Amino acid sequence: MGRPPCCDKVGVKKGPWTPEEDIVLVSYIQEHGPGNWRAVPTNTGLVRCSKSCRLRWTNYLRPGIRRGNFTEHEEKMIIHLQALLGNRTDNDIKNYWNTHLKKKLKKLHGSEVYCRDGFTSSAASDQISRGQWERK
């Protein structure tokens, strides 16, 4: 027993996302917000499963995502935090962040979101950053 699959996988597109698919997904998320991922393929006409849509948004298209090499400062911080929390698995930390800390920070700071440099207003997070489909 477990969670039902996100889709029946028949006729679902696999492989790289096209720029057009990215635009459709971003437009939908900007209008409706992230959340009900099971409804995304049906409401957008994307021939992708809901999990694929969620992962594409979370890992590639979400505004504010930093990609590329880690800075020296970030590297030192990772080493320091590993020394403090080395007995925790990466999955434990991720799950604790997603189930406890993210909600706690949102409650403490209203609609503000946490970013690398501290807290920033939700207006800044609502700005549309250039997505992967717009990069030259």
Foldseek 3Di string as FASTA:
>chain_A
DDDDDQDPPVQADDDDDDLVNLVLLVVVCLVVNDDPLSCSCVVRVHSHGSVVSVCCQVPFFQPPDDDDDDDPVRVVVVVVVCVVPVVDDPVRVVVCCVPPVQVVVCVVVPQWGADPVGIDHVVVSSDHDDGPSPDD
